[in-house]
C-alpha atoms as a PDB file:
ATOM      1  CA  MET A   1    -219.950  13.741-163.451  1.00  0.00           C
ATOM      2  CA  LYS A   2    -218.840  10.478-161.862  1.00  0.00           C
ATOM      3  CA  LEU A   3    -215.300  11.087-163.031  1.00  0.00           C
ATOM      4  CA  THR A   4    -215.236  14.520-161.365  1.00  0.00           C
ATOM      5  CA  ARG A   5    -216.569  13.119-158.116  1.00  0.00           C
ATOM      6  CA  TYR A   6    -213.980  10.318-158.241  1.00  0.00           C
ATOM      7  CA  ALA A   7    -211.145  12.838-158.841  1.00  0.00           C
ATOM      8  CA  LEU A   8    -212.266  15.059-155.955  1.00  0.00           C
ATOM      9  CA  THR A   9    -212.419  12.039-153.648  1.00  0.00           C
ATOM     10  CA  LEU A  10    -208.839  11.066-154.596  1.00  0.00           C
ATOM     11  CA  VAL A  11    -207.575  14.629-154.006  1.00  0.00           C
ATOM     12  CA  ALA A  12    -209.272  14.786-150.595  1.00  0.00           C
ATOM     13  CA  ALA A  13    -207.839  11.380-149.610  1.00  0.00           C
ATOM     14  CA  ALA A  14    -204.342  12.442-150.686  1.00  0.00           C
ATOM     15  CA  ALA A  15    -204.619  15.675-148.693  1.00  0.00           C
ATOM     16  CA  LEU A  16    -205.724  13.805-145.579  1.00  0.00           C
ATOM     17  CA  ALA A  17    -202.944  11.272-145.960  1.00  0.00           C
ATOM     18  CA  GLY A  18    -200.396  14.092-146.232  1.00  0.00           C
ATOM     19  CA  CYS A  19    -201.628  15.606-142.964  1.00  0.00           C
ATOM     20  CA  GLY A  20    -200.979  12.453-140.977  1.00  0.00           C
ATOM     21  CA  SER A  21    -198.692  12.710-137.965  1.00  0.00           C
ATOM     22  CA  THR A  22    -196.869  10.185-135.819  1.00  0.00           C
ATOM     23  CA  VAL A  23    -197.047  12.400-132.696  1.00  0.00           C
ATOM     24  CA  LYS A  24    -199.337  11.005-130.046  1.00  0.00           C
ATOM     25  CA  LEU A  25    -201.397  13.825-128.588  1.00  0.00           C
ATOM     26  CA  ASP A  26    -202.382  12.052-125.394  1.00  0.00           C
ATOM     27  CA  GLU A  27    -198.746  11.603-124.214  1.00  0.00           C
ATOM     28  CA  PRO A  28    -196.980  14.498-122.410  1.00  0.00           C
ATOM     29  CA  ALA A  29    -194.062  16.127-124.214  1.00  0.00           C
ATOM     30  CA  PRO A  30    -190.584  15.503-122.762  1.00  0.00           C
ATOM     31  CA  VAL A  31    -189.323  18.286-120.465  1.00  0.00           C
ATOM     32  CA  LYS A  32    -185.662  19.188-120.181  1.00  0.00           C
ATOM     33  CA  ASP A  33    -184.455  20.163-116.684  1.00  0.00           C
ATOM     34  CA  ILE A  34    -182.455  23.399-116.887  1.00  0.00           C
ATOM     35  CA  SER A  35    -182.237  24.170-113.177  1.00  0.00           C
ATOM     36  CA  THR A  36    -179.261  25.938-111.599  1.00  0.00           C
ATOM     37  CA  THR A  37    -177.436  22.699-110.915  1.00  0.00           C
ATOM     38  CA  ALA A  38    -174.428  21.348-112.718  1.00  0.00           C
ATOM     39  CA  PRO A  39    -173.709  17.696-113.313  1.00  0.00           C
ATOM     40  CA  THR A  40    -171.158  16.067-111.038  1.00  0.00           C
ATOM     41  CA  GLY A  41    -168.610  13.546-112.111  1.00  0.00           C
ATOM     42  CA  ASN A  42    -171.215  10.819-111.632  1.00  0.00           C
ATOM     43  CA  THR A  43    -173.781  11.699-114.304  1.00  0.00           C
ATOM     44  CA  SER A  44    -174.795   8.136-115.060  1.00  0.00           C
ATOM     45  CA  GLN A  45    -177.014   8.115-111.977  1.00  0.00           C
ATOM     46  CA  GLY A  46    -178.426  11.583-112.715  1.00  0.00           C
ATOM     47  CA  LYS A  47    -177.104  13.162-109.511  1.00  0.00           C
ATOM     48  CA  THR A  48    -176.411  16.868-109.537  1.00  0.00           C
ATOM     49  CA  GLU A  49    -174.973  19.441-107.160  1.00  0.00           C
ATOM     50  CA  PRO A  50    -175.577  23.196-106.989  1.00  0.00           C
ATOM     51  CA  LEU A  51    -173.415  25.556-109.002  1.00  0.00           C
ATOM     52  CA  ALA A  52    -170.826  27.638-107.188  1.00  0.00           C
ATOM     53  CA  ASP A  53    -171.850  31.167-106.195  1.00  0.00           C
ATOM     54  CA  SER A  54    -172.211  33.412-109.197  1.00  0.00           C
ATOM     55  CA  ARG A  55    -169.667  36.156-109.736  1.00  0.00           C
ATOM     56  CA  VAL A  56    -172.339  38.451-111.131  1.00  0.00           C
ATOM     57  CA  SER A  57    -173.139  41.181-108.654  1.00  0.00           C
ATOM     58  CA  THR A  58    -176.583  42.635-108.228  1.00  0.00           C
ATOM     59  CA  VAL A  59    -177.186  46.216-109.278  1.00  0.00           C
ATOM     60  CA  ASP A  60    -179.118  48.607-107.071  1.00  0.00           C
ATOM     61  CA  LEU A  61    -180.869  50.553-109.801  1.00  0.00           C
ATOM     62  CA  PHE A  62    -182.434  52.987-107.319  1.00  0.00           C
ATOM     63  CA  SER A  63    -179.019  53.999-105.900  1.00  0.00           C
ATOM     64  CA  GLU A  64    -177.497  54.263-109.351  1.00  0.00           C
ATOM     65  CA  LEU A  65    -180.314  56.497-110.617  1.00  0.00           C
ATOM     66  CA  SER A  66    -180.249  58.496-107.379  1.00  0.00           C
ATOM     67  CA  GLN A  67    -176.618  59.377-108.080  1.00  0.00           C
ATOM     68  CA  GLN A  68    -177.587  60.562-111.565  1.00  0.00           C
ATOM     69  CA  VAL A  69    -180.311  62.875-110.198  1.00  0.00           C
ATOM     70  CA  LYS A  70    -178.297  64.031-107.178  1.00  0.00           C
ATOM     71  CA  ASP A  71    -178.007  67.658-108.338  1.00  0.00           C
ATOM     72  CA  LYS A  72    -180.903  67.563-110.805  1.00  0.00           C
ATOM     73  CA  ARG A  73    -183.870  68.366-108.613  1.00  0.00           C
ATOM     74  CA  VAL A  74    -185.353  71.574-110.083  1.00  0.00           C
ATOM     75  CA  ILE A  75    -187.588  72.116-113.101  1.00  0.00           C
ATOM     76  CA  TYR A  76    -187.980  75.706-114.290  1.00  0.00           C
ATOM     77  CA  PHE A  77    -191.055  77.167-116.002  1.00  0.00           C
ATOM     78  CA  ASP A  78    -191.854  80.050-118.313  1.00  0.00           C
ATOM     79  CA  PHE A  79    -193.757  83.081-117.046  1.00  0.00           C
ATOM     80  CA  ASP A  80    -197.378  82.271-116.158  1.00  0.00           C
ATOM     81  CA  SER A  81    -196.998  78.687-117.457  1.00  0.00           C
ATOM     82  CA  ASP A  82    -197.416  75.237-115.957  1.00  0.00           C
ATOM     83  CA  VAL A  83    -196.132  73.323-118.996  1.00  0.00           C
ATOM     84  CA  VAL A  84    -193.017  71.191-118.410  1.00  0.00           C
ATOM     85  CA  LYS A  85    -190.445  72.358-120.958  1.00  0.00           C
ATOM     86  CA  GLU A  86    -188.988  69.872-123.430  1.00  0.00           C
ATOM     87  CA  GLU A  87    -185.512  70.340-121.937  1.00  0.00           C
ATOM     88  CA  TYR A  88    -186.717  68.804-118.638  1.00  0.00           C
ATOM     89  CA  ARG A  89    -188.384  65.708-120.129  1.00  0.00           C
ATOM     90  CA  GLY A  90    -185.199  63.653-119.636  1.00  0.00           C
ATOM     91  CA  LEU A  91    -184.979  64.700-115.994  1.00  0.00           C
ATOM     92  CA  VAL A  92    -188.610  63.760-115.384  1.00  0.00           C
ATOM     93  CA  ASP A  93    -188.000  60.398-117.093  1.00  0.00           C
ATOM     94  CA  LEU A  94    -184.934  59.771-114.918  1.00  0.00           C
ATOM     95  CA  HIS A  95    -186.925  60.455-111.736  1.00  0.00           C
ATOM     96  CA  ALA A  96    -189.757  58.217-112.985  1.00  0.00           C
ATOM     97  CA  ARG A  97    -187.346  55.328-113.597  1.00  0.00           C
ATOM     98  CA  ARG A  98    -185.835  55.896-110.157  1.00  0.00           C
ATOM     99  CA  LEU A  99    -189.239  55.747-108.458  1.00  0.00           C
ATOM    100  CA  LYS A 100    -190.274  52.656-110.433  1.00  0.00           C
ATOM    101  CA  ALA A 101    -187.075  50.919-109.305  1.00  0.00           C
ATOM    102  CA  LYS A 102    -188.069  51.390-105.643  1.00  0.00           C
ATOM    103  CA  PRO A 103    -191.859  51.444-105.141  1.00  0.00           C
ATOM    104  CA  GLN A 104    -191.575  52.525-101.482  1.00  0.00           C
ATOM    105  CA  ALA A 105    -189.708  55.737-102.458  1.00  0.00           C
ATOM    106  CA  ALA A 106    -191.664  58.969-102.835  1.00  0.00           C
ATOM    107  CA  LEU A 107    -191.197  62.550-103.995  1.00  0.00           C
ATOM    108  CA  MET A 108    -192.586  65.827-102.717  1.00  0.00           C
ATOM    109  CA  LEU A 109    -193.110  68.212-105.641  1.00  0.00           C
ATOM    110  CA  GLU A 110    -192.931  71.799-104.388  1.00  0.00           C
ATOM    111  CA  GLY A 111    -194.360  74.357-106.786  1.00  0.00           C
ATOM    112  CA  HIS A 112    -193.048  77.944-106.670  1.00  0.00           C
ATOM    113  CA  THR A 113    -193.676  81.197-108.544  1.00  0.00           C
ATOM    114  CA  ASP A 114    -192.000  84.574-108.872  1.00  0.00           C
ATOM    115  CA  GLU A 115    -193.175  87.580-106.863  1.00  0.00           C
ATOM    116  CA  ARG A 116    -195.475  89.001-109.535  1.00  0.00           C
ATOM    117  CA  GLY A 117    -199.197  88.426-109.074  1.00  0.00           C
ATOM    118  CA  GLY A 118    -201.471  88.013-106.077  1.00  0.00           C
ATOM    119  CA  ARG A 119    -200.950  85.497-103.290  1.00  0.00           C
ATOM    120  CA  GLU A 120    -203.918  83.274-104.217  1.00  0.00           C
ATOM    121  CA  TYR A 121    -203.088  83.321-107.923  1.00  0.00           C
ATOM    122  CA  ASN A 122    -199.483  82.329-107.252  1.00  0.00           C
ATOM    123  CA  LEU A 123    -200.509  79.536-104.878  1.00  0.00           C
ATOM    124  CA  ALA A 124    -202.784  78.143-107.616  1.00  0.00           C
ATOM    125  CA  LEU A 125    -200.073  78.507-110.284  1.00  0.00           C
ATOM    126  CA  GLY A 126    -197.494  76.773-108.064  1.00  0.00           C
ATOM    127  CA  GLN A 127    -199.972  73.941-107.475  1.00  0.00           C
ATOM    128  CA  ARG A 128    -200.632  73.560-111.222  1.00  0.00           C
ATOM    129  CA  ARG A 129    -196.875  73.427-111.872  1.00  0.00           C
ATOM    130  CA  ALA A 130    -196.344  70.731-109.227  1.00  0.00           C
ATOM    131  CA  GLU A 131    -199.327  68.756-110.526  1.00  0.00           C
ATOM    132  CA  SER A 132    -198.007  69.054-114.089  1.00  0.00           C
ATOM    133  CA  VAL A 133    -194.757  67.373-113.015  1.00  0.00           C
ATOM    134  CA  ALA A 134    -196.721  64.775-111.014  1.00  0.00           C
ATOM    135  CA  LYS A 135    -198.849  63.956-114.058  1.00  0.00           C
ATOM    136  CA  SER A 136    -195.728  63.596-116.211  1.00  0.00           C
ATOM    137  CA  LEU A 137    -194.242  61.173-113.669  1.00  0.00           C
ATOM    138  CA  THR A 138    -197.404  59.073-113.458  1.00  0.00           C
ATOM    139  CA  LEU A 139    -197.697  58.938-117.247  1.00  0.00           C
ATOM    140  CA  LEU A 140    -194.188  57.475-117.263  1.00  0.00           C
ATOM    141  CA  GLY A 141    -195.246  54.679-114.891  1.00  0.00           C
ATOM    142  CA  THR A 142    -194.724  56.121-111.420  1.00  0.00           C
ATOM    143  CA  ALA A 143    -197.453  55.162-108.947  1.00  0.00           C
ATOM    144  CA  ALA A 144    -199.693  58.065-107.966  1.00  0.00           C
ATOM    145  CA  ASN A 145    -199.024  57.448-104.260  1.00  0.00           C
ATOM    146  CA  GLN A 146    -195.294  58.055-104.831  1.00  0.00           C
ATOM    147  CA  VAL A 147    -195.711  61.741-105.681  1.00  0.00           C
ATOM    148  CA  GLU A 148    -197.296  64.577-103.730  1.00  0.00           C
ATOM    149  CA  ALA A 149    -197.781  68.029-105.213  1.00  0.00           C
ATOM    150  CA  VAL A 150    -197.774  71.097-102.943  1.00  0.00           C
ATOM    151  CA  SER A 151    -197.544  74.814-103.639  1.00  0.00           C
ATOM    152  CA  PHE A 152    -195.663  77.563-101.848  1.00  0.00           C
ATOM    153  CA  GLY A 153    -196.528  80.224-104.412  1.00  0.00           C
ATOM    154  CA  LYS A 154    -194.225  83.219-104.045  1.00  0.00           C
ATOM    155  CA  GLU A 155    -193.561  82.600-100.324  1.00  0.00           C
ATOM    156  CA  ARG A 156    -190.187  80.810-100.690  1.00  0.00           C
ATOM    157  CA  PRO A 157    -188.114  82.490-103.397  1.00  0.00           C
ATOM    158  CA  ALA A 158    -184.873  80.815-104.430  1.00  0.00           C
ATOM    159  CA  VAL A 159    -183.365  84.193-105.352  1.00  0.00           C
ATOM    160  CA  GLN A 160    -184.178  87.630-103.955  1.00  0.00           C
ATOM    161  CA  GLY A 161    -184.680  90.454-106.416  1.00  0.00           C
ATOM    162  CA  SER A 162    -187.008  91.948-108.981  1.00  0.00           C
ATOM    163  CA  THR A 163    -185.086  91.205-112.164  1.00  0.00           C
ATOM    164  CA  GLU A 164    -185.943  88.784-114.965  1.00  0.00           C
ATOM    165  CA  GLU A 165    -183.023  86.544-113.907  1.00  0.00           C
ATOM    166  CA  ALA A 166    -184.312  86.342-110.324  1.00  0.00           C
ATOM    167  CA  TRP A 167    -187.886  85.757-111.465  1.00  0.00           C
ATOM    168  CA  ALA A 168    -186.745  82.956-113.815  1.00  0.00           C
ATOM    169  CA  LYS A 169    -184.994  81.166-110.916  1.00  0.00           C
ATOM    170  CA  ASN A 170    -188.126  81.412-108.760  1.00  0.00           C
ATOM    171  CA  ARG A 171    -190.550  79.893-111.327  1.00  0.00           C
ATOM    172  CA  ARG A 172    -189.801  76.288-110.458  1.00  0.00           C
ATOM    173  CA  VAL A 173    -190.806  72.906-109.055  1.00  0.00           C
ATOM    174  CA  GLU A 174    -188.372  71.314-106.629  1.00  0.00           C
ATOM    175  CA  LEU A 175    -188.320  67.504-106.437  1.00  0.00           C
ATOM    176  CA  LYS A 176    -187.528  66.428-102.883  1.00  0.00           C
ATOM    177  CA  ASP A 177    -187.372  62.916-101.446  1.00  0.00           C
ATOM    178  CA  LYS A 178    -189.954  62.211 -98.752  1.00  0.00           C
END
């Protein structure tokens, strides 16, 4: 029993000795200065001077993304649907990135329908379509105050006519800068 206790004491002492450290915890660690200054010819005195102007130009992400969405401002919907089609997810993402790049920018989302159905029904459907796009934008990080959803129902058709092609062009949400 004494031998076991003696062995355990030796093992514990060896473990504690192995954990020893020479680092003093009450002294601050050295900090290396990596500011935007370059050493001058006289580095022995620690004097520095600012670096020359950088040749890297800034990128206006908002303008760049605005060029990409220049002609991509309409999202089309299926008949009697307010679901954003998979083919327009990239366009919605592009507009979301554009709005996140410039928080003071905003979009007006104008919901439209084809001529079929009553006035009130089409106003409600156009509103649901615009709100569906707004929700997609906010889920991608756009601030809610950057998008406003409105409906024009069947009052502002993009194409006149009573054919499936005309109706398909009128079931849309237009994304317009405010």
